[in-house]
Structures are given as C-alpha cells and as structure tokens.
Amino acid sequence: MPTALVIIDMQQGMFTDVVAPHRGEDVLQHCADLLARARAARVPVFHVQHDGGAGDILCKGSPGWHHHPAVAPKAGEPVVEKRHISAFHGTDFHDQLRKAGIDRLVIAGMQTEMCVDSACRAAVALGYRVVLAGDAHTTFDTSVLPAERIVAHHNKTLDGAFVELAKTAEIAF
C-alpha cells in the first residue's frame, strides 16, 4: 500500500489579513503534523501549488504564491504547479505518482470545495485510494454558505463514495 501525502495550495496568499480561512491556523497545524509524520515515516510528499495568473493573489512569483512556511517543501519534495482547479488537469502529477508506485493518497489543504474536492474525485477516477484528512482542509465563507458548512458538506459527501474520511491523528503512514 504505497502511500503519498498531498498538501494542496497551502500558500501564503491564502493566509492574509484581508480574508482568513475557516479554522486556518488549526488546519495549518494539522497539515504540518501530517507533513512531519510523513517525513518521519519516509512517505513521499507532494506539494500542489496554484498559479492564479496575472493579478491573482496566487500569481506565480508573487508573495502570495509561495508556500506557507509551516508546510513548505524540503529539497527533493516534488511540487506540482497547476493552473486549473484539479491537481491532475494539465500536469504530470498522475505520471509522477505512477512512477513512484503510489496507489494511496492522503489529501489535505485548500480550498475544500474547489481544489481539495477535485483532487479527491480525480484521484479516485484514476484508481487511487484516497484518505481525506477531514480536519486538515478548509475554505472561506461565501455569499451562499459559511465555510464551516462547506467543509462539513464535503466531508459528508466525499466520505465513503470517494474517500476514507479520517482525522489527522487517526491517519497512519
């Protein structure tokens, strides 16, 4: 059961004074915990980094584009740069995982209803077994729903049909 940890879009632009993610600091700590445990177990770690394009807070090369220091890649850890919501669309992510013999992904990061959801669904469609760290992903309030409800909805919707939902402390590498 070769496993990889996938940390999605935990970039500095997601943690600004203007808009804070729901439970942002808690999620950041859970991601850092998963990262430390994966590294200690010598489990491959893949960092996904979104480039939102010119004018976006996550524009490649801008201050917001860089990984949050608490979960930044170490030398040798692959970074998958993406321009679309899915980490698999228009990238070589699937090829990298296949070459590494990975068949199980532990997924955490941002944003729940966008990049986290699409990564979970695409991974399952490609044949991966997926564990979603239910307390290690988050998003922002929208005009329709508060972030807390978005996270809860996606945990409920994805659990069973697409992912094994687990708390950070329960996830084994």
C-alpha atoms as a PDB file:
ATOM      1  CA  MET A   1       0.000   0.000   0.000  1.00  0.00           C
ATOM      2  CA  PRO A   2       2.479   2.692  -1.130  1.00  0.00           C
ATOM      3  CA  THR A   3       1.156   5.990   0.192  1.00  0.00           C
ATOM      4  CA  ALA A   4       1.909   9.631  -0.562  1.00  0.00           C
ATOM      5  CA  LEU A   5       0.874  12.771   1.303  1.00  0.00           C
ATOM      6  CA  VAL A   6      -0.561  15.512  -0.895  1.00  0.00           C
ATOM      7  CA  ILE A   7      -0.640  19.055   0.518  1.00  0.00           C
ATOM      8  CA  ILE A   8      -2.805  21.251  -1.702  1.00  0.00           C
ATOM      9  CA  ASP A   9      -2.435  25.025  -2.139  1.00  0.00           C
ATOM     10  CA  MET A  10      -1.225  25.885   1.342  1.00  0.00           C
ATOM     11  CA  GLN A  11       0.180  29.131   0.031  1.00  0.00           C
ATOM     12  CA  GLN A  12       0.855  32.436   1.738  1.00  0.00           C
ATOM     13  CA  GLY A  13      -1.837  34.212  -0.269  1.00  0.00           C
ATOM     14  CA  MET A  14      -4.459  32.018   1.398  1.00  0.00           C
ATOM     15  CA  PHE A  15      -3.490  33.402   4.802  1.00  0.00           C
ATOM     16  CA  THR A  16      -3.830  37.172   4.608  1.00  0.00           C
ATOM     17  CA  ASP A  17      -5.163  39.866   6.898  1.00  0.00           C
ATOM     18  CA  VAL A  18      -7.918  40.609   4.382  1.00  0.00           C
ATOM     19  CA  VAL A  19      -9.693  37.241   4.413  1.00  0.00           C
ATOM     20  CA  ALA A  20      -8.863  34.390   6.748  1.00  0.00           C
ATOM     21  CA  PRO A  21      -9.755  30.783   6.032  1.00  0.00           C
ATOM     22  CA  HIS A  22     -12.099  28.988   8.415  1.00  0.00           C
ATOM     23  CA  ARG A  23     -10.027  27.492  11.257  1.00  0.00           C
ATOM     24  CA  GLY A  24      -6.971  28.454   9.222  1.00  0.00           C
ATOM     25  CA  GLU A  25      -4.411  28.111  11.986  1.00  0.00           C
ATOM     26  CA  ASP A  26      -5.833  24.765  13.139  1.00  0.00           C
ATOM     27  CA  VAL A  27      -5.803  23.402   9.589  1.00  0.00           C
ATOM     28  CA  LEU A  28      -2.276  24.692   9.080  1.00  0.00           C
ATOM     29  CA  GLN A  29      -1.175  22.856  12.240  1.00  0.00           C
ATOM     30  CA  HIS A  30      -2.901  19.643  11.140  1.00  0.00           C
ATOM     31  CA  CYS A  31      -1.176  19.871   7.751  1.00  0.00           C
ATOM     32  CA  ALA A  32       2.171  20.495   9.469  1.00  0.00           C
ATOM     33  CA  ASP A  33       1.561  17.456  11.698  1.00  0.00           C
ATOM     34  CA  LEU A  34       0.764  15.233   8.699  1.00  0.00           C
ATOM     35  CA  LEU A  35       3.838  16.567   6.929  1.00  0.00           C
ATOM     36  CA  ALA A  36       6.136  15.887   9.896  1.00  0.00           C
ATOM     37  CA  ARG A  37       4.784  12.359  10.353  1.00  0.00           C
ATOM     38  CA  ALA A  38       5.015  11.562   6.631  1.00  0.00           C
ATOM     39  CA  ARG A  39       8.601  12.795   6.515  1.00  0.00           C
ATOM     40  CA  ALA A  40       9.492  10.780   9.633  1.00  0.00           C
ATOM     41  CA  ALA A  41       7.987   7.669   8.030  1.00  0.00           C
ATOM     42  CA  ARG A  42       9.808   8.439   4.744  1.00  0.00           C
ATOM     43  CA  VAL A  43       6.498   8.645   2.904  1.00  0.00           C
ATOM     44  CA  PRO A  44       6.662  10.641  -0.335  1.00  0.00           C
ATOM     45  CA  VAL A  45       5.215  14.144  -0.059  1.00  0.00           C
ATOM     46  CA  PHE A  46       3.799  16.085  -2.978  1.00  0.00           C
ATOM     47  CA  HIS A  47       3.077  19.798  -2.685  1.00  0.00           C
ATOM     48  CA  VAL A  48       0.489  21.286  -5.024  1.00  0.00           C
ATOM     49  CA  GLN A  49       0.827  24.981  -5.817  1.00  0.00           C
ATOM     50  CA  HIS A  50      -1.788  27.016  -7.661  1.00  0.00           C
ATOM     51  CA  ASP A  51      -0.908  29.776 -10.107  1.00  0.00           C
ATOM     52  CA  GLY A  52      -3.941  32.033 -10.385  1.00  0.00           C
ATOM     53  CA  GLY A  53      -2.472  34.112 -13.205  1.00  0.00           C
ATOM     54  CA  ALA A  54      -1.807  37.822 -13.549  1.00  0.00           C
ATOM     55  CA  GLY A  55      -3.498  39.944 -10.915  1.00  0.00           C
ATOM     56  CA  ASP A  56      -4.407  36.987  -8.667  1.00  0.00           C
ATOM     57  CA  ILE A  57      -3.069  36.758  -5.118  1.00  0.00           C
ATOM     58  CA  LEU A  58      -1.637  33.360  -6.090  1.00  0.00           C
ATOM     59  CA  CYS A  59       0.055  34.611  -9.256  1.00  0.00           C
ATOM     60  CA  LYS A  60       3.301  32.720  -9.847  1.00  0.00           C
ATOM     61  CA  GLY A  61       6.226  34.654  -8.400  1.00  0.00           C
ATOM     62  CA  SER A  62       4.069  36.943  -6.239  1.00  0.00           C
ATOM     63  CA  PRO A  63       4.448  36.899  -2.434  1.00  0.00           C
ATOM     64  CA  GLY A  64       1.127  35.073  -2.109  1.00  0.00           C
ATOM     65  CA  TRP A  65       2.216  32.298  -4.477  1.00  0.00           C
ATOM     66  CA  HIS A  66       4.883  30.938  -2.118  1.00  0.00           C
ATOM     67  CA  HIS A  67       4.161  28.028   0.198  1.00  0.00           C
ATOM     68  CA  HIS A  68       3.265  28.855   3.766  1.00  0.00           C
ATOM     69  CA  PRO A  69       6.493  28.424   5.778  1.00  0.00           C
ATOM     70  CA  ALA A  70       4.845  25.955   8.182  1.00  0.00           C
ATOM     71  CA  VAL A  71       4.311  23.458   5.343  1.00  0.00           C
ATOM     72  CA  ALA A  72       6.928  24.470   2.786  1.00  0.00           C
ATOM     73  CA  PRO A  73       8.603  21.768   0.692  1.00  0.00           C
ATOM     74  CA  LYS A  74      12.021  20.488   1.605  1.00  0.00           C
ATOM     75  CA  ALA A  75      14.663  19.815  -1.017  1.00  0.00           C
ATOM     76  CA  GLY A  76      13.675  16.819  -3.103  1.00  0.00           C
ATOM     77  CA  GLU A  77       9.946  17.005  -2.382  1.00  0.00           C
ATOM     78  CA  PRO A  78       8.064  17.412  -5.667  1.00  0.00           C
ATOM     79  CA  VAL A  79       5.960  20.499  -6.297  1.00  0.00           C
ATOM     80  CA  VAL A  80       3.104  20.192  -8.760  1.00  0.00           C
ATOM     81  CA  GLU A  81       2.337  23.595 -10.243  1.00  0.00           C
ATOM     82  CA  LYS A  82      -1.176  23.920 -11.617  1.00  0.00           C
ATOM     83  CA  ARG A  83      -3.325  26.480 -13.412  1.00  0.00           C
ATOM     84  CA  HIS A  84      -6.630  24.625 -13.016  1.00  0.00           C
ATOM     85  CA  ILE A  85      -8.653  23.507 -10.006  1.00  0.00           C
ATOM     86  CA  SER A  86      -7.583  19.870 -10.268  1.00  0.00           C
ATOM     87  CA  ALA A  87      -4.006  18.917  -9.437  1.00  0.00           C
ATOM     88  CA  PHE A  88      -4.269  16.317 -12.199  1.00  0.00           C
ATOM     89  CA  HIS A  89      -5.553  18.539 -15.037  1.00  0.00           C
ATOM     90  CA  GLY A  90      -2.767  19.758 -17.308  1.00  0.00           C
ATOM     91  CA  THR A  91       0.012  18.490 -15.013  1.00  0.00           C
ATOM     92  CA  ASP A  92       2.243  15.426 -14.802  1.00  0.00           C
ATOM     93  CA  PHE A  93       1.028  14.625 -11.284  1.00  0.00           C
ATOM     94  CA  HIS A  94      -0.540  11.276 -12.231  1.00  0.00           C
ATOM     95  CA  ASP A  95       2.661  10.253 -14.050  1.00  0.00           C
ATOM     96  CA  GLN A  96       4.790  11.181 -11.039  1.00  0.00           C
ATOM     97  CA  LEU A  97       2.590   9.133  -8.707  1.00  0.00           C
ATOM     98  CA  ARG A  98       2.550   6.166 -11.076  1.00  0.00           C
ATOM     99  CA  LYS A  99       6.343   6.209 -11.477  1.00  0.00           C
ATOM    100  CA  ALA A 100       6.684   6.237  -7.685  1.00  0.00           C
ATOM    101  CA  GLY A 101       4.344   3.234  -7.397  1.00  0.00           C
ATOM    102  CA  ILE A 102       1.849   5.179  -5.284  1.00  0.00           C
ATOM    103  CA  ASP A 103      -1.694   3.828  -5.003  1.00  0.00           C
ATOM    104  CA  ARG A 104      -2.956   5.571  -1.848  1.00  0.00           C
ATOM    105  CA  LEU A 105      -3.128   9.336  -1.305  1.00  0.00           C
ATOM    106  CA  VAL A 106      -3.617  11.235   1.934  1.00  0.00           C
ATOM    107  CA  ILE A 107      -5.021  14.622   0.948  1.00  0.00           C
ATOM    108  CA  ALA A 108      -5.097  17.872   2.940  1.00  0.00           C
ATOM    109  CA  GLY A 109      -5.056  21.592   2.168  1.00  0.00           C
ATOM    110  CA  MET A 110      -7.175  24.253   0.483  1.00  0.00           C
ATOM    111  CA  GLN A 111      -9.826  25.029  -0.816  1.00  0.00           C
ATOM    112  CA  THR A 112     -12.343  22.425   0.227  1.00  0.00           C
ATOM    113  CA  GLU A 113     -14.990  22.918  -2.463  1.00  0.00           C
ATOM    114  CA  MET A 114     -12.510  23.523  -5.234  1.00  0.00           C
ATOM    115  CA  CYS A 115      -9.022  22.056  -5.315  1.00  0.00           C
ATOM    116  CA  VAL A 116      -9.417  19.541  -2.475  1.00  0.00           C
ATOM    117  CA  ASP A 117     -12.708  18.185  -3.802  1.00  0.00           C
ATOM    118  CA  SER A 118     -11.468  17.955  -7.387  1.00  0.00           C
ATOM    119  CA  ALA A 119      -8.231  16.243  -6.328  1.00  0.00           C
ATOM    120  CA  CYS A 120     -10.167  13.628  -4.358  1.00  0.00           C
ATOM    121  CA  ARG A 121     -12.593  12.902  -7.184  1.00  0.00           C
ATOM    122  CA  ALA A 122      -9.945  12.865  -9.929  1.00  0.00           C
ATOM    123  CA  ALA A 123      -7.672  10.612  -7.867  1.00  0.00           C
ATOM    124  CA  VAL A 124     -10.459   8.087  -7.354  1.00  0.00           C
ATOM    125  CA  ALA A 125     -11.331   8.202 -11.064  1.00  0.00           C
ATOM    126  CA  LEU A 126      -7.682   7.387 -11.804  1.00  0.00           C
ATOM    127  CA  GLY A 127      -7.741   4.391  -9.459  1.00  0.00           C
ATOM    128  CA  TYR A 128      -6.135   5.760  -6.305  1.00  0.00           C
ATOM    129  CA  ARG A 129      -7.405   5.005  -2.828  1.00  0.00           C
ATOM    130  CA  VAL A 130      -7.866   8.341  -1.072  1.00  0.00           C
ATOM    131  CA  VAL A 131      -7.843   9.303   2.574  1.00  0.00           C
ATOM    132  CA  LEU A 132      -9.134  12.821   3.186  1.00  0.00           C
ATOM    133  CA  ALA A 133      -7.921  14.410   6.393  1.00  0.00           C
ATOM    134  CA  GLY A 134     -11.300  15.804   7.427  1.00  0.00           C
ATOM    135  CA  ASP A 135      -9.834  18.277   9.892  1.00  0.00           C
ATOM    136  CA  ALA A 136      -6.942  19.326   7.635  1.00  0.00           C
ATOM    137  CA  HIS A 137      -8.744  21.100   4.812  1.00  0.00           C
ATOM    138  CA  THR A 138     -10.584  24.388   4.774  1.00  0.00           C
ATOM    139  CA  THR A 139     -12.024  27.206   2.737  1.00  0.00           C
ATOM    140  CA  PHE A 140     -13.565  30.669   3.032  1.00  0.00           C
ATOM    141  CA  ASP A 141     -17.091  31.880   3.700  1.00  0.00           C
ATOM    142  CA  THR A 142     -19.097  32.557   0.545  1.00  0.00           C
ATOM    143  CA  SER A 143     -22.181  34.664  -0.049  1.00  0.00           C
ATOM    144  CA  VAL A 144     -24.213  31.435  -0.019  1.00  0.00           C
ATOM    145  CA  LEU A 145     -22.680  29.331   2.777  1.00  0.00           C
ATOM    146  CA  PRO A 146     -20.300  29.773   5.679  1.00  0.00           C
ATOM    147  CA  ALA A 147     -17.024  27.875   5.350  1.00  0.00           C
ATOM    148  CA  GLU A 148     -17.867  25.637   8.296  1.00  0.00           C
ATOM    149  CA  ARG A 149     -20.886  24.254   6.399  1.00  0.00           C
ATOM    150  CA  ILE A 150     -18.929  23.894   3.156  1.00  0.00           C
ATOM    151  CA  VAL A 151     -16.296  21.784   4.922  1.00  0.00           C
ATOM    152  CA  ALA A 152     -18.925  19.683   6.715  1.00  0.00           C
ATOM    153  CA  HIS A 153     -20.867  19.153   3.480  1.00  0.00           C
ATOM    154  CA  HIS A 154     -17.802  17.996   1.554  1.00  0.00           C
ATOM    155  CA  ASN A 155     -16.693  15.701   4.359  1.00  0.00           C
ATOM    156  CA  LYS A 156     -20.144  14.086   4.309  1.00  0.00           C
ATOM    157  CA  THR A 157     -20.447  13.974   0.512  1.00  0.00           C
ATOM    158  CA  LEU A 158     -16.987  12.566  -0.179  1.00  0.00           C
ATOM    159  CA  ASP A 159     -16.869  10.077   2.712  1.00  0.00           C
ATOM    160  CA  GLY A 160     -17.465   6.532   1.593  1.00  0.00           C
ATOM    161  CA  ALA A 161     -18.266   7.155  -2.061  1.00  0.00           C
ATOM    162  CA  PHE A 162     -14.925   8.769  -2.883  1.00  0.00           C
ATOM    163  CA  VAL A 163     -12.667   8.846   0.164  1.00  0.00           C
ATOM    164  CA  GLU A 164     -11.999   7.360   3.522  1.00  0.00           C
ATOM    165  CA  LEU A 165     -12.541  10.303   5.859  1.00  0.00           C
ATOM    166  CA  ALA A 166     -10.220  10.425   8.867  1.00  0.00           C
ATOM    167  CA  LYS A 167      -8.972  12.875  11.451  1.00  0.00           C
ATOM    168  CA  THR A 168      -5.337  13.850  11.258  1.00  0.00           C
ATOM    169  CA  ALA A 169      -4.462  11.965  14.453  1.00  0.00           C
ATOM    170  CA  GLU A 170      -6.013   8.751  13.058  1.00  0.00           C
ATOM    171  CA  ILE A 171      -4.092   8.702   9.787  1.00  0.00           C
ATOM    172  CA  ALA A 172      -1.314   6.137   9.604  1.00  0.00           C
ATOM    173  CA  PHE A 173       1.562   6.291   7.146  1.00  0.00           C
END
